N, C-alpha and C. Protein backbone atom coordinates (compact mmCIF):
# COMPACT_ATOMS: atom_id res chain seq x y z
N UNK A 1 81.85 -47.41 -29.66
CA UNK A 1 82.14 -47.97 -28.36
C UNK A 1 80.86 -47.92 -27.52
N UNK A 2 80.48 -49.06 -26.97
CA UNK A 2 79.27 -49.09 -26.16
C UNK A 2 79.57 -48.61 -24.75
N UNK A 3 78.57 -48.07 -24.12
CA UNK A 3 78.75 -47.57 -22.76
C UNK A 3 77.73 -48.26 -21.88
N UNK A 4 78.11 -48.48 -20.64
CA UNK A 4 77.29 -49.20 -19.70
C UNK A 4 77.31 -48.46 -18.37
N UNK A 5 76.22 -48.48 -17.66
CA UNK A 5 76.18 -47.89 -16.32
C UNK A 5 76.85 -48.85 -15.35
N UNK A 6 77.84 -48.35 -14.65
CA UNK A 6 78.57 -49.15 -13.69
C UNK A 6 78.60 -48.39 -12.37
N UNK A 7 78.34 -49.10 -11.29
CA UNK A 7 78.33 -48.48 -9.98
C UNK A 7 79.54 -48.99 -9.20
N UNK A 8 80.28 -48.06 -8.60
CA UNK A 8 81.49 -48.41 -7.87
C UNK A 8 81.30 -48.17 -6.37
N UNK A 9 81.84 -49.07 -5.58
CA UNK A 9 81.83 -48.92 -4.13
C UNK A 9 83.25 -48.64 -3.67
N UNK A 10 83.35 -48.06 -2.51
CA UNK A 10 84.66 -47.87 -1.91
C UNK A 10 85.43 -46.68 -2.48
N UNK A 11 84.74 -45.74 -3.13
CA UNK A 11 85.40 -44.55 -3.67
C UNK A 11 85.56 -43.53 -2.53
N UNK A 12 86.76 -42.98 -2.39
CA UNK A 12 87.03 -41.97 -1.38
C UNK A 12 86.17 -40.74 -1.68
N UNK A 13 85.35 -40.33 -0.70
CA UNK A 13 84.41 -39.22 -0.92
C UNK A 13 85.12 -37.90 -1.21
N UNK A 14 86.22 -37.65 -0.53
CA UNK A 14 86.95 -36.40 -0.76
C UNK A 14 87.54 -36.35 -2.16
N UNK A 15 88.07 -37.48 -2.62
CA UNK A 15 88.62 -37.55 -3.98
C UNK A 15 87.49 -37.34 -5.00
N UNK A 16 86.36 -37.99 -4.76
CA UNK A 16 85.23 -37.86 -5.70
C UNK A 16 84.76 -36.40 -5.77
N UNK A 17 84.66 -35.73 -4.62
CA UNK A 17 84.22 -34.32 -4.61
C UNK A 17 85.18 -33.45 -5.43
N UNK A 18 86.48 -33.69 -5.26
CA UNK A 18 87.48 -32.92 -5.99
C UNK A 18 87.37 -33.18 -7.50
N UNK A 19 87.20 -34.46 -7.87
CA UNK A 19 87.06 -34.81 -9.29
C UNK A 19 85.80 -34.15 -9.86
N UNK A 20 84.70 -34.22 -9.12
CA UNK A 20 83.44 -33.63 -9.60
C UNK A 20 83.58 -32.12 -9.78
N UNK A 21 84.24 -31.45 -8.82
CA UNK A 21 84.46 -30.01 -8.90
C UNK A 21 85.27 -29.66 -10.14
N UNK A 22 86.37 -30.40 -10.36
CA UNK A 22 87.21 -30.13 -11.53
C UNK A 22 86.47 -30.43 -12.83
N UNK A 23 85.65 -31.46 -12.81
CA UNK A 23 84.87 -31.80 -14.01
C UNK A 23 83.93 -30.65 -14.37
N UNK A 24 83.28 -30.08 -13.37
CA UNK A 24 82.37 -28.95 -13.62
C UNK A 24 83.16 -27.77 -14.18
N UNK A 25 84.32 -27.48 -13.59
CA UNK A 25 85.14 -26.36 -14.06
C UNK A 25 85.62 -26.55 -15.50
N UNK A 26 85.88 -27.84 -15.88
CA UNK A 26 86.35 -28.14 -17.23
C UNK A 26 85.19 -28.33 -18.22
N UNK A 27 83.98 -28.43 -17.70
CA UNK A 27 82.83 -28.63 -18.56
C UNK A 27 82.72 -30.06 -19.11
N UNK A 28 83.19 -31.01 -18.34
CA UNK A 28 83.09 -32.42 -18.74
C UNK A 28 82.41 -33.21 -17.62
N UNK A 29 82.02 -34.44 -17.91
CA UNK A 29 81.39 -35.27 -16.89
C UNK A 29 82.43 -36.07 -16.12
N UNK A 30 82.04 -36.52 -14.94
CA UNK A 30 82.92 -37.37 -14.14
C UNK A 30 83.20 -38.66 -14.91
N UNK A 31 82.21 -39.16 -15.63
CA UNK A 31 82.40 -40.38 -16.43
C UNK A 31 83.51 -40.21 -17.46
N UNK A 32 83.56 -39.05 -18.09
CA UNK A 32 84.61 -38.80 -19.08
C UNK A 32 85.99 -38.80 -18.41
N UNK A 33 86.08 -38.20 -17.22
CA UNK A 33 87.36 -38.17 -16.51
C UNK A 33 87.76 -39.58 -16.08
N UNK A 34 86.81 -40.35 -15.57
CA UNK A 34 87.10 -41.73 -15.14
C UNK A 34 87.53 -42.57 -16.33
N UNK A 35 86.83 -42.46 -17.45
CA UNK A 35 87.21 -43.21 -18.66
C UNK A 35 88.62 -42.83 -19.12
N UNK A 36 88.94 -41.53 -19.11
CA UNK A 36 90.28 -41.08 -19.51
C UNK A 36 91.34 -41.64 -18.55
N UNK A 37 91.05 -41.61 -17.25
CA UNK A 37 91.99 -42.13 -16.25
C UNK A 37 92.18 -43.64 -16.43
N UNK A 38 91.11 -44.36 -16.68
CA UNK A 38 91.21 -45.81 -16.89
C UNK A 38 92.00 -46.14 -18.15
N UNK A 39 91.80 -45.36 -19.22
CA UNK A 39 92.57 -45.58 -20.46
C UNK A 39 94.06 -45.37 -20.21
N UNK A 40 94.40 -44.33 -19.47
CA UNK A 40 95.81 -44.06 -19.14
C UNK A 40 96.39 -45.19 -18.28
N UNK A 41 95.61 -45.64 -17.31
CA UNK A 41 96.07 -46.73 -16.44
C UNK A 41 96.34 -47.99 -17.24
N UNK A 42 95.51 -48.28 -18.24
CA UNK A 42 95.69 -49.48 -19.06
C UNK A 42 96.95 -49.42 -19.92
N UNK A 43 97.46 -48.23 -20.18
CA UNK A 43 98.68 -48.09 -20.98
C UNK A 43 99.94 -48.45 -20.19
N UNK A 44 99.83 -48.43 -18.88
CA UNK A 44 100.99 -48.67 -18.02
C UNK A 44 101.19 -50.15 -17.79
N UNK A 45 102.45 -50.58 -17.64
CA UNK A 45 102.70 -51.99 -17.36
C UNK A 45 102.15 -52.38 -15.99
N UNK A 46 101.66 -53.57 -15.91
CA UNK A 46 101.11 -54.07 -14.66
C UNK A 46 102.18 -54.93 -13.98
N UNK A 47 102.42 -54.67 -12.73
CA UNK A 47 103.40 -55.44 -11.98
C UNK A 47 102.63 -56.34 -11.02
N UNK A 48 102.82 -57.63 -11.19
CA UNK A 48 102.15 -58.60 -10.34
C UNK A 48 103.17 -59.16 -9.37
N UNK A 49 102.92 -58.99 -8.09
CA UNK A 49 103.82 -59.53 -7.09
C UNK A 49 103.17 -60.78 -6.51
N UNK A 50 103.92 -61.87 -6.54
CA UNK A 50 103.42 -63.11 -5.98
C UNK A 50 103.62 -63.09 -4.48
N UNK A 51 102.61 -63.52 -3.77
CA UNK A 51 102.74 -63.65 -2.32
C UNK A 51 103.70 -64.79 -2.03
N UNK A 52 104.64 -64.53 -1.15
CA UNK A 52 105.62 -65.55 -0.78
C UNK A 52 104.95 -66.61 0.06
N UNK A 53 105.11 -67.85 -0.35
CA UNK A 53 104.57 -68.99 0.38
C UNK A 53 105.75 -69.85 0.80
N UNK A 54 106.03 -69.93 2.10
CA UNK A 54 107.19 -70.70 2.56
C UNK A 54 107.16 -72.16 2.08
N UNK A 55 105.99 -72.76 2.05
CA UNK A 55 105.89 -74.16 1.61
C UNK A 55 106.35 -74.31 0.17
N UNK A 56 105.94 -73.39 -0.68
CA UNK A 56 106.33 -73.46 -2.09
C UNK A 56 107.83 -73.23 -2.26
N UNK A 57 108.36 -72.27 -1.51
CA UNK A 57 109.79 -72.00 -1.60
C UNK A 57 110.61 -73.21 -1.15
N UNK A 58 110.18 -73.84 -0.07
CA UNK A 58 110.88 -75.02 0.43
C UNK A 58 110.75 -76.16 -0.59
N UNK A 59 109.55 -76.35 -1.13
CA UNK A 59 109.35 -77.39 -2.15
C UNK A 59 110.24 -77.13 -3.36
N UNK A 60 110.33 -75.88 -3.80
CA UNK A 60 111.18 -75.54 -4.95
C UNK A 60 112.64 -75.88 -4.67
N UNK A 61 113.12 -75.53 -3.46
CA UNK A 61 114.53 -75.82 -3.15
C UNK A 61 114.78 -77.32 -3.04
N UNK A 62 113.80 -78.06 -2.49
CA UNK A 62 113.95 -79.51 -2.41
C UNK A 62 113.94 -80.15 -3.79
N UNK A 63 113.08 -79.64 -4.67
CA UNK A 63 113.04 -80.15 -6.05
C UNK A 63 114.39 -79.96 -6.71
N UNK A 64 114.97 -78.77 -6.58
CA UNK A 64 116.30 -78.52 -7.16
C UNK A 64 117.33 -79.50 -6.61
N UNK A 65 117.31 -79.70 -5.31
CA UNK A 65 118.25 -80.61 -4.66
C UNK A 65 118.07 -82.03 -5.19
N UNK A 66 116.83 -82.51 -5.22
CA UNK A 66 116.58 -83.89 -5.65
C UNK A 66 116.84 -84.08 -7.14
N UNK A 67 116.60 -83.06 -7.95
CA UNK A 67 116.91 -83.15 -9.38
C UNK A 67 118.42 -83.32 -9.58
N UNK A 68 119.22 -82.57 -8.82
CA UNK A 68 120.67 -82.68 -8.91
C UNK A 68 121.15 -84.07 -8.49
N UNK A 69 120.44 -84.66 -7.52
CA UNK A 69 120.79 -85.99 -7.03
C UNK A 69 120.22 -87.10 -7.92
N UNK A 70 119.42 -86.71 -8.91
CA UNK A 70 118.83 -87.69 -9.83
C UNK A 70 117.63 -88.43 -9.27
N UNK A 71 117.04 -87.90 -8.20
CA UNK A 71 115.87 -88.55 -7.60
C UNK A 71 114.60 -88.11 -8.31
N UNK A 72 113.64 -88.99 -8.33
CA UNK A 72 112.34 -88.70 -8.94
C UNK A 72 111.25 -89.03 -7.93
N UNK A 73 110.04 -88.56 -8.19
CA UNK A 73 108.92 -88.85 -7.32
C UNK A 73 108.20 -87.58 -6.93
N UNK A 74 107.75 -87.54 -5.67
CA UNK A 74 106.97 -86.42 -5.16
C UNK A 74 107.47 -86.02 -3.78
N UNK A 75 107.36 -84.73 -3.49
CA UNK A 75 107.75 -84.19 -2.20
C UNK A 75 106.47 -83.76 -1.48
N UNK A 76 106.42 -84.04 -0.19
CA UNK A 76 105.36 -83.50 0.65
C UNK A 76 106.03 -82.51 1.60
N UNK A 77 105.52 -81.28 1.64
CA UNK A 77 106.01 -80.28 2.59
C UNK A 77 104.86 -80.00 3.55
N UNK A 78 105.12 -80.20 4.84
CA UNK A 78 104.06 -80.08 5.85
C UNK A 78 104.33 -78.87 6.74
N UNK A 79 103.26 -78.11 7.00
CA UNK A 79 103.31 -76.94 7.89
C UNK A 79 104.48 -76.02 7.60
N UNK A 80 104.52 -75.48 6.40
CA UNK A 80 105.54 -74.51 5.98
C UNK A 80 106.96 -74.99 6.21
N UNK A 81 107.18 -76.28 5.98
CA UNK A 81 108.53 -76.82 6.03
C UNK A 81 108.95 -77.42 7.35
N UNK A 82 108.01 -77.53 8.30
CA UNK A 82 108.35 -78.16 9.58
C UNK A 82 108.81 -79.60 9.33
N UNK A 83 108.28 -80.20 8.27
CA UNK A 83 108.65 -81.56 7.91
C UNK A 83 108.48 -81.73 6.41
N UNK A 84 109.28 -82.60 5.82
CA UNK A 84 109.11 -82.93 4.40
C UNK A 84 109.37 -84.41 4.21
N UNK A 85 108.67 -84.99 3.24
CA UNK A 85 108.79 -86.41 2.95
C UNK A 85 109.00 -86.61 1.46
N UNK A 86 109.73 -87.63 1.09
CA UNK A 86 109.94 -87.98 -0.31
C UNK A 86 109.16 -89.25 -0.59
N UNK A 87 108.37 -89.25 -1.67
CA UNK A 87 107.55 -90.41 -2.04
C UNK A 87 107.82 -90.76 -3.50
N UNK A 88 107.60 -92.02 -3.85
CA UNK A 88 107.89 -92.45 -5.22
C UNK A 88 106.72 -92.21 -6.17
N UNK A 89 105.48 -92.08 -5.63
CA UNK A 89 104.33 -91.87 -6.50
C UNK A 89 103.33 -90.93 -5.83
N UNK A 90 102.42 -90.39 -6.62
CA UNK A 90 101.39 -89.50 -6.06
C UNK A 90 100.48 -90.29 -5.12
N UNK A 91 100.22 -91.55 -5.47
CA UNK A 91 99.37 -92.39 -4.62
C UNK A 91 100.01 -92.58 -3.24
N UNK A 92 101.32 -92.84 -3.23
CA UNK A 92 102.04 -93.00 -1.96
C UNK A 92 102.00 -91.71 -1.15
N UNK A 93 102.17 -90.56 -1.82
CA UNK A 93 102.16 -89.27 -1.14
C UNK A 93 100.79 -89.02 -0.49
N UNK A 94 99.74 -89.30 -1.21
CA UNK A 94 98.38 -89.10 -0.67
C UNK A 94 98.13 -90.03 0.51
N UNK A 95 98.55 -91.27 0.37
CA UNK A 95 98.36 -92.25 1.45
C UNK A 95 99.14 -91.83 2.70
N UNK A 96 100.38 -91.36 2.52
CA UNK A 96 101.17 -90.91 3.67
C UNK A 96 100.51 -89.72 4.36
N UNK A 97 99.97 -88.80 3.56
CA UNK A 97 99.28 -87.64 4.14
C UNK A 97 98.05 -88.08 4.93
N UNK A 98 97.28 -89.01 4.37
CA UNK A 98 96.09 -89.51 5.08
C UNK A 98 96.48 -90.12 6.42
N UNK A 99 97.49 -90.98 6.40
CA UNK A 99 97.94 -91.64 7.63
C UNK A 99 98.45 -90.62 8.66
N UNK A 100 99.23 -89.66 8.20
CA UNK A 100 99.74 -88.63 9.10
C UNK A 100 98.61 -87.82 9.72
N UNK A 101 97.63 -87.48 8.90
CA UNK A 101 96.53 -86.64 9.38
C UNK A 101 95.67 -87.38 10.40
N UNK A 102 95.57 -88.69 10.25
CA UNK A 102 94.82 -89.47 11.23
C UNK A 102 95.53 -89.48 12.58
N UNK A 103 96.86 -89.51 12.55
CA UNK A 103 97.65 -89.56 13.79
C UNK A 103 97.79 -88.18 14.44
N UNK A 104 98.05 -87.19 13.62
CA UNK A 104 98.26 -85.83 14.13
C UNK A 104 97.70 -84.83 13.14
N UNK A 105 97.07 -83.81 13.65
CA UNK A 105 96.50 -82.79 12.78
C UNK A 105 97.60 -81.80 12.40
N UNK A 106 97.61 -81.38 11.15
CA UNK A 106 98.52 -80.32 10.71
C UNK A 106 97.70 -79.33 9.91
N UNK A 107 98.18 -78.12 9.83
CA UNK A 107 97.36 -77.07 9.21
C UNK A 107 97.49 -77.00 7.70
N UNK A 108 98.62 -77.45 7.17
CA UNK A 108 98.84 -77.24 5.74
C UNK A 108 99.84 -78.25 5.21
N UNK A 109 99.58 -78.74 4.00
CA UNK A 109 100.52 -79.63 3.34
C UNK A 109 100.51 -79.35 1.84
N UNK A 110 101.65 -79.57 1.22
CA UNK A 110 101.78 -79.34 -0.22
C UNK A 110 102.48 -80.55 -0.82
N UNK A 111 101.95 -81.04 -1.94
CA UNK A 111 102.60 -82.14 -2.66
C UNK A 111 103.11 -81.56 -3.97
N UNK A 112 104.37 -81.82 -4.29
CA UNK A 112 104.96 -81.30 -5.53
C UNK A 112 105.76 -82.40 -6.22
N UNK A 113 105.53 -82.54 -7.51
CA UNK A 113 106.28 -83.52 -8.31
C UNK A 113 107.72 -83.03 -8.48
N UNK A 114 108.65 -83.95 -8.45
CA UNK A 114 110.06 -83.59 -8.64
C UNK A 114 110.32 -83.53 -10.14
N UNK A 115 110.19 -82.33 -10.66
CA UNK A 115 110.46 -82.05 -12.07
C UNK A 115 110.66 -80.56 -12.20
N UNK A 116 111.39 -80.13 -13.22
CA UNK A 116 111.58 -78.68 -13.40
C UNK A 116 110.23 -78.00 -13.66
N UNK A 117 110.05 -76.81 -13.10
CA UNK A 117 108.82 -76.04 -13.36
C UNK A 117 108.84 -75.51 -14.78
N UNK A 118 107.68 -75.58 -15.42
CA UNK A 118 107.54 -75.01 -16.75
C UNK A 118 107.12 -73.56 -16.58
N UNK A 119 107.79 -72.66 -17.29
CA UNK A 119 107.46 -71.25 -17.21
C UNK A 119 107.02 -70.79 -18.59
N UNK A 120 105.87 -70.12 -18.64
CA UNK A 120 105.38 -69.56 -19.89
C UNK A 120 105.31 -68.05 -19.73
N UNK A 121 105.44 -67.35 -20.82
CA UNK A 121 105.37 -65.90 -20.77
C UNK A 121 104.19 -65.42 -21.60
N UNK A 122 103.52 -64.43 -21.08
CA UNK A 122 102.39 -63.82 -21.74
C UNK A 122 102.65 -62.33 -21.77
N UNK A 123 102.69 -61.74 -22.96
CA UNK A 123 102.97 -60.31 -23.06
C UNK A 123 101.67 -59.55 -22.88
N UNK A 124 101.69 -58.60 -21.93
CA UNK A 124 100.51 -57.80 -21.64
C UNK A 124 100.94 -56.35 -21.49
N UNK A 125 100.36 -55.47 -22.23
CA UNK A 125 100.62 -54.05 -22.07
C UNK A 125 102.07 -53.63 -22.22
N UNK A 126 102.84 -54.35 -23.03
CA UNK A 126 104.21 -53.95 -23.28
C UNK A 126 105.21 -54.45 -22.24
N UNK A 127 104.74 -55.14 -21.21
CA UNK A 127 105.67 -55.72 -20.24
C UNK A 127 105.47 -57.22 -20.22
N UNK A 128 106.39 -57.93 -19.62
CA UNK A 128 106.25 -59.39 -19.54
C UNK A 128 105.79 -59.79 -18.16
N UNK A 129 104.80 -60.66 -18.10
CA UNK A 129 104.36 -61.24 -16.85
C UNK A 129 104.76 -62.71 -16.87
N UNK A 130 105.34 -63.18 -15.81
CA UNK A 130 105.74 -64.58 -15.75
C UNK A 130 104.57 -65.37 -15.15
N UNK A 131 104.14 -66.37 -15.88
CA UNK A 131 103.07 -67.23 -15.41
C UNK A 131 103.66 -68.59 -15.14
N UNK A 132 103.64 -68.99 -13.88
CA UNK A 132 104.21 -70.29 -13.54
C UNK A 132 103.10 -71.32 -13.52
N UNK A 133 103.37 -72.45 -14.08
CA UNK A 133 102.41 -73.53 -14.08
C UNK A 133 103.00 -74.74 -13.37
N UNK A 134 102.15 -75.56 -12.85
CA UNK A 134 102.60 -76.77 -12.19
C UNK A 134 101.90 -76.94 -10.87
N UNK A 135 102.35 -77.90 -10.09
CA UNK A 135 101.74 -78.15 -8.77
C UNK A 135 102.17 -77.11 -7.78
């Protein structure tokens, strides 16, 4: 196993002093303790929490609604759901956004195709992480 010098920032000084003291008492280096701690951390499942985005949640609920109604096309969600528009093509959605932005400024917009989201799974460290793909 190759070893490399790595410099870390943002380490709590009190924690580092305690680790260094214990390392001296045990007759090992701080690097050995850090490597052991990192190996242990890698054995644990990683939990990834997605940040909630109101625009995405609204788009998801609109997609479900329109799929049930048999509608196709694209949804535009503007300013976290203050307004939403249904368009038949991506070109129409982009054109509507351009026209709207020329008339009134808005801070955020999301375009989403009306289709079920594809979900893939990737196994990492013995737990499952859900990776969502799509717009």
